[in-house]
N, C-alpha and C. Protein backbone atom coordinates (compact mmCIF):
# COMPACT_ATOMS: atom_id res chain seq x y z
N MET A 1 10.37 -135.00 -30.72
CA MET A 1 9.00 -135.24 -30.28
C MET A 1 8.28 -136.08 -31.34
N ALA A 2 7.52 -137.04 -30.85
CA ALA A 2 6.76 -137.91 -31.74
C ALA A 2 5.29 -137.87 -31.31
N ARG A 3 4.40 -137.88 -32.27
CA ARG A 3 2.96 -137.92 -32.01
C ARG A 3 2.58 -139.38 -31.88
N LEU A 4 2.12 -139.80 -30.69
CA LEU A 4 1.91 -141.21 -30.39
C LEU A 4 0.47 -141.52 -29.99
N PHE A 5 0.10 -142.79 -30.20
CA PHE A 5 -1.15 -143.32 -29.66
C PHE A 5 -0.97 -144.82 -29.45
N ILE A 6 -1.83 -145.40 -28.63
CA ILE A 6 -1.78 -146.83 -28.32
C ILE A 6 -3.11 -147.42 -28.76
N ALA A 7 -3.04 -148.54 -29.50
CA ALA A 7 -4.26 -149.09 -30.08
C ALA A 7 -4.18 -150.60 -30.26
N VAL A 8 -5.35 -151.17 -30.52
CA VAL A 8 -5.48 -152.56 -30.92
C VAL A 8 -5.68 -152.55 -32.43
N GLU A 9 -4.82 -153.26 -33.15
CA GLU A 9 -4.95 -153.40 -34.60
C GLU A 9 -6.11 -154.36 -34.89
N LEU A 10 -6.88 -154.07 -35.91
CA LEU A 10 -8.00 -154.94 -36.29
C LEU A 10 -7.56 -155.90 -37.38
N PRO A 11 -8.09 -157.13 -37.36
CA PRO A 11 -7.80 -158.05 -38.46
C PRO A 11 -8.31 -157.47 -39.78
N ASP A 12 -7.66 -157.82 -40.88
CA ASP A 12 -8.06 -157.32 -42.20
C ASP A 12 -9.52 -157.65 -42.51
N SER A 13 -9.99 -158.83 -42.11
CA SER A 13 -11.38 -159.21 -42.38
C SER A 13 -12.35 -158.27 -41.67
N VAL A 14 -12.01 -157.82 -40.47
CA VAL A 14 -12.85 -156.89 -39.72
C VAL A 14 -12.83 -155.51 -40.40
N LYS A 15 -11.65 -155.08 -40.82
CA LYS A 15 -11.54 -153.79 -41.51
C LYS A 15 -12.40 -153.80 -42.78
N HIS A 16 -12.34 -154.90 -43.52
CA HIS A 16 -13.13 -155.01 -44.75
C HIS A 16 -14.62 -154.96 -44.43
N SER A 17 -15.04 -155.66 -43.40
CA SER A 17 -16.44 -155.66 -43.00
C SER A 17 -16.90 -154.24 -42.62
N LEU A 18 -16.05 -153.53 -41.88
CA LEU A 18 -16.40 -152.17 -41.46
C LEU A 18 -16.43 -151.21 -42.65
N SER A 19 -15.60 -151.45 -43.65
CA SER A 19 -15.58 -150.56 -44.82
C SER A 19 -16.91 -150.61 -45.58
N ARG A 20 -17.64 -151.69 -45.45
CA ARG A 20 -18.93 -151.81 -46.13
C ARG A 20 -20.02 -150.96 -45.49
N LEU A 21 -19.72 -150.36 -44.34
CA LEU A 21 -20.71 -149.52 -43.67
C LEU A 21 -20.72 -148.09 -44.22
N ARG A 22 -19.78 -147.76 -45.07
CA ARG A 22 -19.69 -146.40 -45.62
C ARG A 22 -20.94 -146.09 -46.44
N THR A 23 -21.50 -144.92 -46.17
CA THR A 23 -22.65 -144.43 -46.92
C THR A 23 -22.33 -143.01 -47.40
N PRO A 24 -23.00 -142.55 -48.44
CA PRO A 24 -22.74 -141.18 -48.90
C PRO A 24 -23.22 -140.16 -47.86
N ILE A 25 -22.28 -139.42 -47.30
CA ILE A 25 -22.60 -138.37 -46.33
C ILE A 25 -21.79 -137.14 -46.72
N THR A 26 -22.49 -136.05 -46.97
CA THR A 26 -21.83 -134.81 -47.38
C THR A 26 -20.81 -134.38 -46.33
N GLY A 27 -19.59 -134.14 -46.79
CA GLY A 27 -18.54 -133.65 -45.89
C GLY A 27 -17.90 -134.70 -45.01
N ALA A 28 -18.26 -135.97 -45.18
CA ALA A 28 -17.67 -137.02 -44.33
C ALA A 28 -16.27 -137.35 -44.84
N LYS A 29 -15.35 -137.47 -43.89
CA LYS A 29 -14.00 -137.94 -44.22
C LYS A 29 -13.87 -139.31 -43.56
N TRP A 30 -13.97 -140.35 -44.39
CA TRP A 30 -13.93 -141.72 -43.90
C TRP A 30 -12.48 -142.10 -43.58
N VAL A 31 -12.29 -142.79 -42.47
CA VAL A 31 -10.97 -143.27 -42.09
C VAL A 31 -10.53 -144.30 -43.13
N PRO A 32 -9.30 -144.17 -43.67
CA PRO A 32 -8.84 -145.18 -44.63
C PRO A 32 -8.92 -146.58 -44.00
N VAL A 33 -9.36 -147.55 -44.78
CA VAL A 33 -9.59 -148.90 -44.29
C VAL A 33 -8.36 -149.44 -43.55
N GLU A 34 -7.18 -149.23 -44.11
CA GLU A 34 -5.96 -149.78 -43.50
C GLU A 34 -5.64 -149.13 -42.15
N GLN A 35 -6.27 -147.99 -41.84
CA GLN A 35 -5.99 -147.29 -40.58
C GLN A 35 -7.05 -147.53 -39.51
N LEU A 36 -8.06 -148.33 -39.77
CA LEU A 36 -9.08 -148.61 -38.76
C LEU A 36 -8.44 -149.35 -37.59
N HIS A 37 -8.72 -148.89 -36.37
CA HIS A 37 -8.14 -149.48 -35.17
C HIS A 37 -9.00 -149.12 -33.96
N LEU A 38 -8.72 -149.75 -32.84
CA LEU A 38 -9.38 -149.45 -31.57
C LEU A 38 -8.39 -148.68 -30.71
N THR A 39 -8.60 -147.40 -30.54
CA THR A 39 -7.69 -146.57 -29.74
C THR A 39 -7.88 -146.86 -28.26
N LEU A 40 -6.76 -147.13 -27.59
CA LEU A 40 -6.77 -147.28 -26.13
C LEU A 40 -6.38 -145.97 -25.45
N ALA A 41 -5.45 -145.23 -26.07
CA ALA A 41 -5.01 -143.94 -25.52
C ALA A 41 -4.36 -143.11 -26.61
N PHE A 42 -4.75 -141.84 -26.70
CA PHE A 42 -4.07 -140.90 -27.58
C PHE A 42 -3.13 -140.08 -26.70
N LEU A 43 -1.86 -140.01 -27.09
CA LEU A 43 -0.87 -139.36 -26.25
C LEU A 43 -0.45 -137.98 -26.74
N GLY A 44 -0.59 -137.73 -28.02
CA GLY A 44 -0.12 -136.46 -28.56
C GLY A 44 1.40 -136.47 -28.70
N GLU A 45 2.00 -135.30 -28.64
CA GLU A 45 3.45 -135.15 -28.79
C GLU A 45 4.17 -135.62 -27.52
N VAL A 46 5.10 -136.55 -27.69
CA VAL A 46 5.83 -137.13 -26.56
C VAL A 46 7.32 -137.07 -26.87
N ASP A 47 8.13 -136.63 -25.90
CA ASP A 47 9.58 -136.57 -26.14
C ASP A 47 10.22 -137.94 -25.99
N GLU A 48 11.48 -138.05 -26.41
CA GLU A 48 12.19 -139.34 -26.43
C GLU A 48 12.34 -139.94 -25.04
N THR A 49 12.59 -139.12 -24.03
CA THR A 49 12.75 -139.63 -22.66
C THR A 49 11.46 -140.29 -22.18
N ALA A 50 10.34 -139.59 -22.36
CA ALA A 50 9.05 -140.15 -21.93
C ALA A 50 8.70 -141.38 -22.76
N THR A 51 9.06 -141.39 -24.04
CA THR A 51 8.79 -142.56 -24.89
C THR A 51 9.54 -143.78 -24.36
N GLY A 52 10.80 -143.60 -23.95
CA GLY A 52 11.57 -144.70 -23.37
C GLY A 52 10.93 -145.23 -22.11
N LEU A 53 10.49 -144.33 -21.24
CA LEU A 53 9.80 -144.73 -20.01
C LEU A 53 8.50 -145.46 -20.35
N LEU A 54 7.80 -144.96 -21.35
CA LEU A 54 6.53 -145.56 -21.75
C LEU A 54 6.71 -146.98 -22.25
N LEU A 55 7.74 -147.22 -23.04
CA LEU A 55 7.99 -148.58 -23.55
C LEU A 55 8.15 -149.56 -22.39
N ALA A 56 8.88 -149.15 -21.36
CA ALA A 56 9.08 -150.01 -20.19
C ALA A 56 7.76 -150.20 -19.43
N ALA A 57 7.02 -149.13 -19.25
CA ALA A 57 5.77 -149.20 -18.49
C ALA A 57 4.74 -150.07 -19.21
N LEU A 58 4.66 -149.96 -20.53
CA LEU A 58 3.69 -150.76 -21.28
C LEU A 58 4.07 -152.24 -21.27
N SER A 59 5.35 -152.55 -21.15
CA SER A 59 5.80 -153.94 -21.06
C SER A 59 5.27 -154.63 -19.81
N ALA A 60 4.91 -153.85 -18.81
CA ALA A 60 4.41 -154.40 -17.54
C ALA A 60 2.90 -154.66 -17.56
N VAL A 61 2.21 -154.27 -18.61
CA VAL A 61 0.76 -154.49 -18.69
C VAL A 61 0.49 -155.99 -18.80
N LYS A 62 -0.37 -156.51 -17.94
CA LYS A 62 -0.67 -157.94 -17.90
C LYS A 62 -2.17 -158.17 -18.01
N VAL A 63 -2.59 -158.57 -19.19
CA VAL A 63 -4.00 -158.87 -19.47
C VAL A 63 -4.02 -160.12 -20.35
N PRO A 64 -4.93 -161.05 -20.09
CA PRO A 64 -5.02 -162.23 -20.96
C PRO A 64 -5.61 -161.88 -22.32
N GLU A 65 -5.30 -162.69 -23.32
CA GLU A 65 -5.94 -162.54 -24.63
C GLU A 65 -7.45 -162.63 -24.44
N PHE A 66 -8.19 -161.97 -25.32
CA PHE A 66 -9.65 -161.98 -25.21
C PHE A 66 -10.27 -161.77 -26.58
N THR A 67 -11.59 -161.88 -26.62
CA THR A 67 -12.35 -161.73 -27.85
C THR A 67 -13.31 -160.56 -27.71
N LEU A 68 -13.42 -159.75 -28.77
CA LEU A 68 -14.34 -158.61 -28.77
C LEU A 68 -15.47 -158.86 -29.76
N ARG A 69 -16.64 -158.31 -29.41
CA ARG A 69 -17.82 -158.38 -30.28
C ARG A 69 -18.34 -156.96 -30.51
N PHE A 70 -18.91 -156.73 -31.68
CA PHE A 70 -19.47 -155.43 -32.00
C PHE A 70 -20.79 -155.20 -31.29
N SER A 71 -21.10 -153.94 -31.06
CA SER A 71 -22.42 -153.55 -30.56
C SER A 71 -23.02 -152.61 -31.60
N GLU A 72 -23.60 -151.51 -31.18
CA GLU A 72 -24.30 -150.61 -32.10
C GLU A 72 -23.36 -149.59 -32.73
N ALA A 73 -23.89 -148.90 -33.72
CA ALA A 73 -23.19 -147.75 -34.31
C ALA A 73 -23.68 -146.50 -33.58
N GLY A 74 -22.88 -145.46 -33.67
CA GLY A 74 -23.27 -144.22 -33.01
C GLY A 74 -22.49 -143.04 -33.56
N CYS A 75 -22.67 -141.90 -32.90
CA CYS A 75 -21.97 -140.69 -33.30
C CYS A 75 -21.66 -139.85 -32.06
N PHE A 76 -20.61 -139.07 -32.17
CA PHE A 76 -20.24 -138.11 -31.13
C PHE A 76 -20.37 -136.71 -31.70
N PRO A 77 -20.74 -135.68 -30.99
CA PRO A 77 -21.13 -135.76 -29.58
C PRO A 77 -22.56 -136.27 -29.38
N ASN A 78 -23.44 -136.05 -30.38
CA ASN A 78 -24.82 -136.55 -30.27
C ASN A 78 -25.46 -136.56 -31.66
N ARG A 79 -26.68 -137.10 -31.75
CA ARG A 79 -27.37 -137.25 -33.04
C ARG A 79 -27.75 -135.90 -33.66
N SER A 80 -27.95 -134.88 -32.86
CA SER A 80 -28.35 -133.60 -33.43
C SER A 80 -27.16 -132.80 -33.97
N ARG A 81 -25.95 -133.10 -33.49
CA ARG A 81 -24.75 -132.42 -33.98
C ARG A 81 -23.63 -133.44 -34.20
N PRO A 82 -23.82 -134.42 -35.06
CA PRO A 82 -22.80 -135.46 -35.23
C PRO A 82 -21.51 -134.91 -35.85
N ARG A 83 -20.38 -135.26 -35.26
CA ARG A 83 -19.07 -134.87 -35.78
C ARG A 83 -18.18 -136.08 -36.04
N MET A 84 -18.55 -137.22 -35.47
CA MET A 84 -17.78 -138.45 -35.64
C MET A 84 -18.74 -139.63 -35.67
N LEU A 85 -18.52 -140.53 -36.62
CA LEU A 85 -19.32 -141.76 -36.71
C LEU A 85 -18.45 -142.93 -36.24
N TRP A 86 -19.05 -143.84 -35.51
CA TRP A 86 -18.30 -144.97 -34.98
C TRP A 86 -19.16 -146.21 -34.89
N VAL A 87 -18.49 -147.33 -34.69
CA VAL A 87 -19.17 -148.57 -34.35
C VAL A 87 -18.60 -149.00 -32.99
N GLY A 88 -19.50 -149.36 -32.09
CA GLY A 88 -19.10 -149.69 -30.73
C GLY A 88 -18.76 -151.16 -30.56
N LEU A 89 -18.19 -151.44 -29.40
CA LEU A 89 -17.84 -152.81 -29.02
C LEU A 89 -18.53 -153.14 -27.71
N LYS A 90 -18.99 -154.38 -27.59
CA LYS A 90 -19.63 -154.80 -26.35
C LYS A 90 -18.61 -154.70 -25.20
N GLN A 91 -19.13 -154.36 -24.04
CA GLN A 91 -18.26 -154.27 -22.87
C GLN A 91 -17.57 -155.60 -22.63
N ASN A 92 -16.32 -155.53 -22.24
CA ASN A 92 -15.53 -156.73 -21.98
C ASN A 92 -14.59 -156.41 -20.83
N PRO A 93 -14.61 -157.20 -19.75
CA PRO A 93 -13.77 -156.87 -18.60
C PRO A 93 -12.28 -156.87 -18.92
N HIS A 94 -11.84 -157.73 -19.85
CA HIS A 94 -10.41 -157.75 -20.20
C HIS A 94 -10.03 -156.49 -20.99
N LEU A 95 -10.93 -156.02 -21.86
CA LEU A 95 -10.66 -154.77 -22.58
C LEU A 95 -10.62 -153.60 -21.60
N ASN A 96 -11.55 -153.58 -20.66
CA ASN A 96 -11.56 -152.51 -19.66
C ASN A 96 -10.28 -152.53 -18.83
N SER A 97 -9.81 -153.72 -18.47
CA SER A 97 -8.57 -153.85 -17.72
C SER A 97 -7.38 -153.38 -18.54
N LEU A 98 -7.36 -153.77 -19.82
CA LEU A 98 -6.27 -153.34 -20.71
C LEU A 98 -6.25 -151.81 -20.81
N ALA A 99 -7.40 -151.20 -21.05
CA ALA A 99 -7.46 -149.74 -21.16
C ALA A 99 -7.03 -149.07 -19.86
N ALA A 100 -7.44 -149.61 -18.73
CA ALA A 100 -7.07 -149.02 -17.43
C ALA A 100 -5.57 -149.16 -17.17
N GLN A 101 -5.00 -150.33 -17.47
CA GLN A 101 -3.56 -150.52 -17.26
C GLN A 101 -2.74 -149.64 -18.21
N VAL A 102 -3.20 -149.49 -19.45
CA VAL A 102 -2.51 -148.61 -20.40
C VAL A 102 -2.56 -147.18 -19.88
N ARG A 103 -3.72 -146.75 -19.43
CA ARG A 103 -3.88 -145.39 -18.89
C ARG A 103 -2.93 -145.17 -17.71
N SER A 104 -2.87 -146.13 -16.79
CA SER A 104 -1.97 -146.02 -15.64
C SER A 104 -0.52 -145.91 -16.08
N ALA A 105 -0.13 -146.74 -17.06
CA ALA A 105 1.25 -146.71 -17.56
C ALA A 105 1.57 -145.35 -18.17
N VAL A 106 0.64 -144.81 -18.93
CA VAL A 106 0.84 -143.51 -19.57
C VAL A 106 0.98 -142.41 -18.51
N LEU A 107 0.08 -142.39 -17.54
CA LEU A 107 0.13 -141.38 -16.48
C LEU A 107 1.40 -141.51 -15.64
N GLU A 108 1.84 -142.74 -15.40
CA GLU A 108 3.06 -143.01 -14.65
C GLU A 108 4.28 -142.36 -15.33
N CYS A 109 4.21 -142.21 -16.63
CA CYS A 109 5.30 -141.61 -17.41
C CYS A 109 5.16 -140.10 -17.53
N GLY A 110 4.16 -139.54 -16.85
CA GLY A 110 3.97 -138.09 -16.86
C GLY A 110 3.30 -137.56 -18.11
N ILE A 111 2.63 -138.43 -18.86
CA ILE A 111 1.95 -138.02 -20.09
C ILE A 111 0.48 -137.79 -19.74
N PRO A 112 -0.03 -136.56 -19.89
CA PRO A 112 -1.42 -136.28 -19.52
C PRO A 112 -2.42 -137.05 -20.39
N GLN A 113 -3.57 -137.36 -19.80
CA GLN A 113 -4.64 -138.07 -20.49
C GLN A 113 -5.96 -137.33 -20.28
N GLU A 114 -6.90 -137.57 -21.21
CA GLU A 114 -8.23 -136.99 -21.07
C GLU A 114 -8.90 -137.56 -19.83
N GLU A 115 -9.82 -136.79 -19.27
CA GLU A 115 -10.53 -137.21 -18.08
C GLU A 115 -11.72 -138.12 -18.36
N ARG A 116 -12.26 -138.03 -19.59
CA ARG A 116 -13.48 -138.81 -19.86
C ARG A 116 -13.19 -140.31 -19.82
N PRO A 117 -14.18 -141.10 -19.43
CA PRO A 117 -13.98 -142.54 -19.32
C PRO A 117 -13.78 -143.20 -20.69
N PHE A 118 -13.12 -144.35 -20.68
CA PHE A 118 -12.87 -145.12 -21.88
C PHE A 118 -14.20 -145.58 -22.47
N SER A 119 -14.38 -145.35 -23.76
CA SER A 119 -15.59 -145.74 -24.48
C SER A 119 -15.16 -146.57 -25.69
N PRO A 120 -15.27 -147.91 -25.60
CA PRO A 120 -14.74 -148.75 -26.68
C PRO A 120 -15.50 -148.58 -28.00
N HIS A 121 -14.81 -148.01 -28.99
CA HIS A 121 -15.40 -147.78 -30.30
C HIS A 121 -14.31 -147.70 -31.37
N ILE A 122 -14.72 -147.87 -32.60
CA ILE A 122 -13.82 -147.74 -33.74
C ILE A 122 -14.34 -146.58 -34.57
N THR A 123 -13.55 -145.54 -34.69
CA THR A 123 -13.94 -144.36 -35.46
C THR A 123 -13.96 -144.73 -36.95
N LEU A 124 -15.08 -144.44 -37.60
CA LEU A 124 -15.23 -144.73 -39.03
C LEU A 124 -15.12 -143.47 -39.89
N ALA A 125 -15.64 -142.33 -39.39
CA ALA A 125 -15.63 -141.10 -40.19
C ALA A 125 -15.70 -139.88 -39.28
N ARG A 126 -15.19 -138.77 -39.81
CA ARG A 126 -15.30 -137.47 -39.15
C ARG A 126 -16.11 -136.57 -40.07
N LEU A 127 -16.95 -135.72 -39.48
CA LEU A 127 -17.82 -134.85 -40.25
C LEU A 127 -17.44 -133.39 -40.01
N LYS A 128 -17.30 -132.63 -41.08
CA LYS A 128 -16.98 -131.21 -40.95
C LYS A 128 -18.23 -130.39 -40.68
N GLN A 129 -19.37 -130.90 -41.14
CA GLN A 129 -20.63 -130.18 -40.94
C GLN A 129 -21.71 -131.19 -40.55
N PRO A 130 -22.67 -130.77 -39.75
CA PRO A 130 -23.75 -131.68 -39.39
C PRO A 130 -24.49 -132.16 -40.63
N ALA A 131 -24.85 -133.41 -40.65
CA ALA A 131 -25.58 -134.01 -41.77
C ALA A 131 -26.61 -134.96 -41.20
N GLY A 132 -27.56 -134.41 -40.47
CA GLY A 132 -28.53 -135.20 -39.71
C GLY A 132 -29.23 -136.30 -40.48
N HIS A 133 -29.82 -135.98 -41.64
CA HIS A 133 -30.57 -136.97 -42.41
C HIS A 133 -29.65 -138.09 -42.90
N GLU A 134 -28.49 -137.72 -43.44
CA GLU A 134 -27.55 -138.72 -43.94
C GLU A 134 -26.98 -139.58 -42.81
N VAL A 135 -26.74 -138.95 -41.67
CA VAL A 135 -26.22 -139.70 -40.52
C VAL A 135 -27.28 -140.66 -40.01
N ALA A 136 -28.53 -140.23 -40.02
CA ALA A 136 -29.62 -141.13 -39.59
C ALA A 136 -29.65 -142.36 -40.47
N HIS A 137 -29.43 -142.19 -41.77
CA HIS A 137 -29.38 -143.33 -42.68
C HIS A 137 -28.23 -144.27 -42.28
N PHE A 138 -27.06 -143.71 -41.98
CA PHE A 138 -25.92 -144.52 -41.54
C PHE A 138 -26.27 -145.29 -40.26
N LEU A 139 -26.85 -144.60 -39.29
CA LEU A 139 -27.15 -145.23 -37.99
C LEU A 139 -28.22 -146.29 -38.10
N ASN A 140 -29.11 -146.17 -39.08
CA ASN A 140 -30.22 -147.12 -39.21
C ASN A 140 -29.92 -148.31 -40.10
N GLN A 141 -28.79 -148.30 -40.79
CA GLN A 141 -28.46 -149.44 -41.66
C GLN A 141 -27.96 -150.62 -40.81
N PRO A 142 -28.01 -151.83 -41.37
CA PRO A 142 -27.48 -152.98 -40.62
C PRO A 142 -25.98 -152.82 -40.39
N HIS A 143 -25.56 -153.10 -39.20
CA HIS A 143 -24.14 -153.01 -38.85
C HIS A 143 -23.60 -154.40 -38.57
N PRO A 144 -22.29 -154.51 -38.35
CA PRO A 144 -21.77 -155.86 -38.08
C PRO A 144 -22.59 -156.50 -36.96
N PRO A 145 -23.04 -157.72 -37.16
CA PRO A 145 -23.86 -158.36 -36.13
C PRO A 145 -23.08 -158.54 -34.84
N ALA A 146 -23.80 -158.51 -33.74
CA ALA A 146 -23.16 -158.69 -32.43
C ALA A 146 -22.40 -160.01 -32.37
N SER A 147 -22.80 -160.96 -33.21
CA SER A 147 -22.10 -162.25 -33.22
C SER A 147 -20.73 -162.15 -33.89
N SER A 148 -20.49 -161.07 -34.67
CA SER A 148 -19.16 -160.88 -35.27
C SER A 148 -18.17 -160.65 -34.14
N LYS A 149 -17.06 -161.34 -34.24
CA LYS A 149 -16.08 -161.22 -33.16
C LYS A 149 -14.67 -161.31 -33.73
N PHE A 150 -13.71 -160.84 -32.93
CA PHE A 150 -12.31 -160.96 -33.30
C PHE A 150 -11.46 -161.05 -32.04
N ALA A 151 -10.36 -161.77 -32.18
CA ALA A 151 -9.46 -162.00 -31.05
C ALA A 151 -8.49 -160.83 -30.89
N VAL A 152 -8.18 -160.51 -29.64
CA VAL A 152 -7.19 -159.49 -29.33
C VAL A 152 -6.03 -160.20 -28.64
N ARG A 153 -4.88 -160.17 -29.28
CA ARG A 153 -3.70 -160.87 -28.76
C ARG A 153 -2.55 -159.93 -28.42
N GLU A 154 -2.71 -158.63 -28.84
CA GLU A 154 -1.65 -157.65 -28.58
C GLU A 154 -2.22 -156.25 -28.69
N PHE A 155 -1.45 -155.30 -28.19
CA PHE A 155 -1.73 -153.89 -28.42
C PHE A 155 -0.43 -153.26 -28.90
N ILE A 156 -0.54 -152.09 -29.54
CA ILE A 156 0.61 -151.53 -30.24
C ILE A 156 0.76 -150.04 -29.92
N LEU A 157 2.01 -149.63 -29.73
CA LEU A 157 2.34 -148.20 -29.64
C LEU A 157 2.64 -147.73 -31.06
N TYR A 158 1.88 -146.72 -31.52
CA TYR A 158 2.02 -146.20 -32.88
C TYR A 158 2.55 -144.78 -32.85
N GLN A 159 3.27 -144.43 -33.91
CA GLN A 159 3.59 -143.04 -34.20
C GLN A 159 2.65 -142.60 -35.31
N SER A 160 2.13 -141.40 -35.20
CA SER A 160 1.22 -140.85 -36.21
C SER A 160 1.90 -139.62 -36.80
N ARG A 161 2.17 -139.67 -38.10
CA ARG A 161 2.81 -138.53 -38.78
C ARG A 161 1.81 -137.91 -39.74
N LEU A 162 1.71 -136.59 -39.66
CA LEU A 162 0.84 -135.86 -40.56
C LEU A 162 1.66 -135.48 -41.79
N THR A 163 1.19 -135.89 -42.97
CA THR A 163 1.88 -135.59 -44.21
C THR A 163 0.90 -134.91 -45.17
N THR A 164 1.42 -134.39 -46.27
CA THR A 164 0.54 -133.76 -47.26
C THR A 164 -0.39 -134.78 -47.91
N ALA A 165 0.01 -136.05 -47.90
CA ALA A 165 -0.82 -137.12 -48.47
C ALA A 165 -1.81 -137.68 -47.46
N GLY A 166 -1.75 -137.22 -46.21
CA GLY A 166 -2.63 -137.73 -45.16
C GLY A 166 -1.82 -138.24 -43.98
N THR A 167 -2.49 -138.79 -43.01
CA THR A 167 -1.85 -139.30 -41.81
C THR A 167 -1.26 -140.68 -42.08
N VAL A 168 -0.04 -140.90 -41.56
CA VAL A 168 0.62 -142.19 -41.70
C VAL A 168 0.82 -142.75 -40.29
N HIS A 169 0.31 -143.95 -40.04
CA HIS A 169 0.47 -144.63 -38.75
C HIS A 169 1.57 -145.68 -38.89
N SER A 170 2.58 -145.59 -38.03
CA SER A 170 3.69 -146.55 -38.05
C SER A 170 3.79 -147.23 -36.70
N PRO A 171 3.74 -148.56 -36.66
CA PRO A 171 3.90 -149.25 -35.37
C PRO A 171 5.33 -149.09 -34.86
N LEU A 172 5.46 -148.74 -33.57
CA LEU A 172 6.78 -148.64 -32.95
C LEU A 172 7.12 -149.91 -32.19
N LYS A 173 6.12 -150.45 -31.47
CA LYS A 173 6.34 -151.68 -30.73
C LYS A 173 5.00 -152.34 -30.41
N ALA A 174 4.95 -153.66 -30.57
CA ALA A 174 3.77 -154.45 -30.20
C ALA A 174 4.01 -155.09 -28.85
N PHE A 175 2.96 -155.18 -28.05
CA PHE A 175 3.02 -155.78 -26.71
C PHE A 175 2.03 -156.95 -26.68
N SER A 176 2.53 -158.14 -26.51
CA SER A 176 1.67 -159.34 -26.50
C SER A 176 0.90 -159.44 -25.20
N LEU A 177 -0.35 -159.91 -25.32
CA LEU A 177 -1.15 -160.21 -24.14
C LEU A 177 -0.80 -161.62 -23.66
N MET A 178 -1.21 -161.94 -22.45
CA MET A 178 -0.92 -163.27 -21.88
C MET A 178 -1.76 -164.32 -22.58
N THR A 179 -1.13 -165.44 -22.93
CA THR A 179 -1.83 -166.50 -23.64
C THR A 179 -2.58 -167.45 -22.72
N GLY A 180 -2.29 -167.45 -21.46
CA GLY A 180 -2.95 -168.38 -20.56
C GLY A 180 -2.23 -169.71 -20.48
N ARG A 181 -1.26 -169.91 -21.37
CA ARG A 181 -0.45 -171.13 -21.34
C ARG A 181 0.79 -170.89 -20.51
N LYS A 182 1.20 -171.91 -19.77
CA LYS A 182 2.41 -171.77 -18.94
C LYS A 182 3.59 -172.37 -19.61
């Protein structure tokens, strides 16, 4: 069994830009810069048979390359009880199509998925305890401008291993998006 997720890798320049948003927040566990990504689907523990089926199903995903832009910062579940800090991405029909096709491929392989709708965001930190005042400071600081953008040319199936040194993400296979060239 392997712990898997499907994501879009961020360019190093975007990861560096996002790392500058870190502010002192009591109890915050900031995602390591090298692990920042846009999750399309978290799969959890998946056996080898389902993983083989998944590789084939993900190969059938057909979405053209596209560009993403940042939107606002936020927190889940809400401002009064923040447990996760994130920066959002502007809605994009190609991203929505990619997420929907990935979800269909995963379900086709018999791997259960959450019911909540896809919400494009990049997780920056997790909070063990509410920190309302400090979180308000994070939410009110300047974030990457909406004009900041990055190209999406592929998505990746990752294995996530929990170790004593922290979580290690290893790419298993990258899936290229359509270039539009014939």
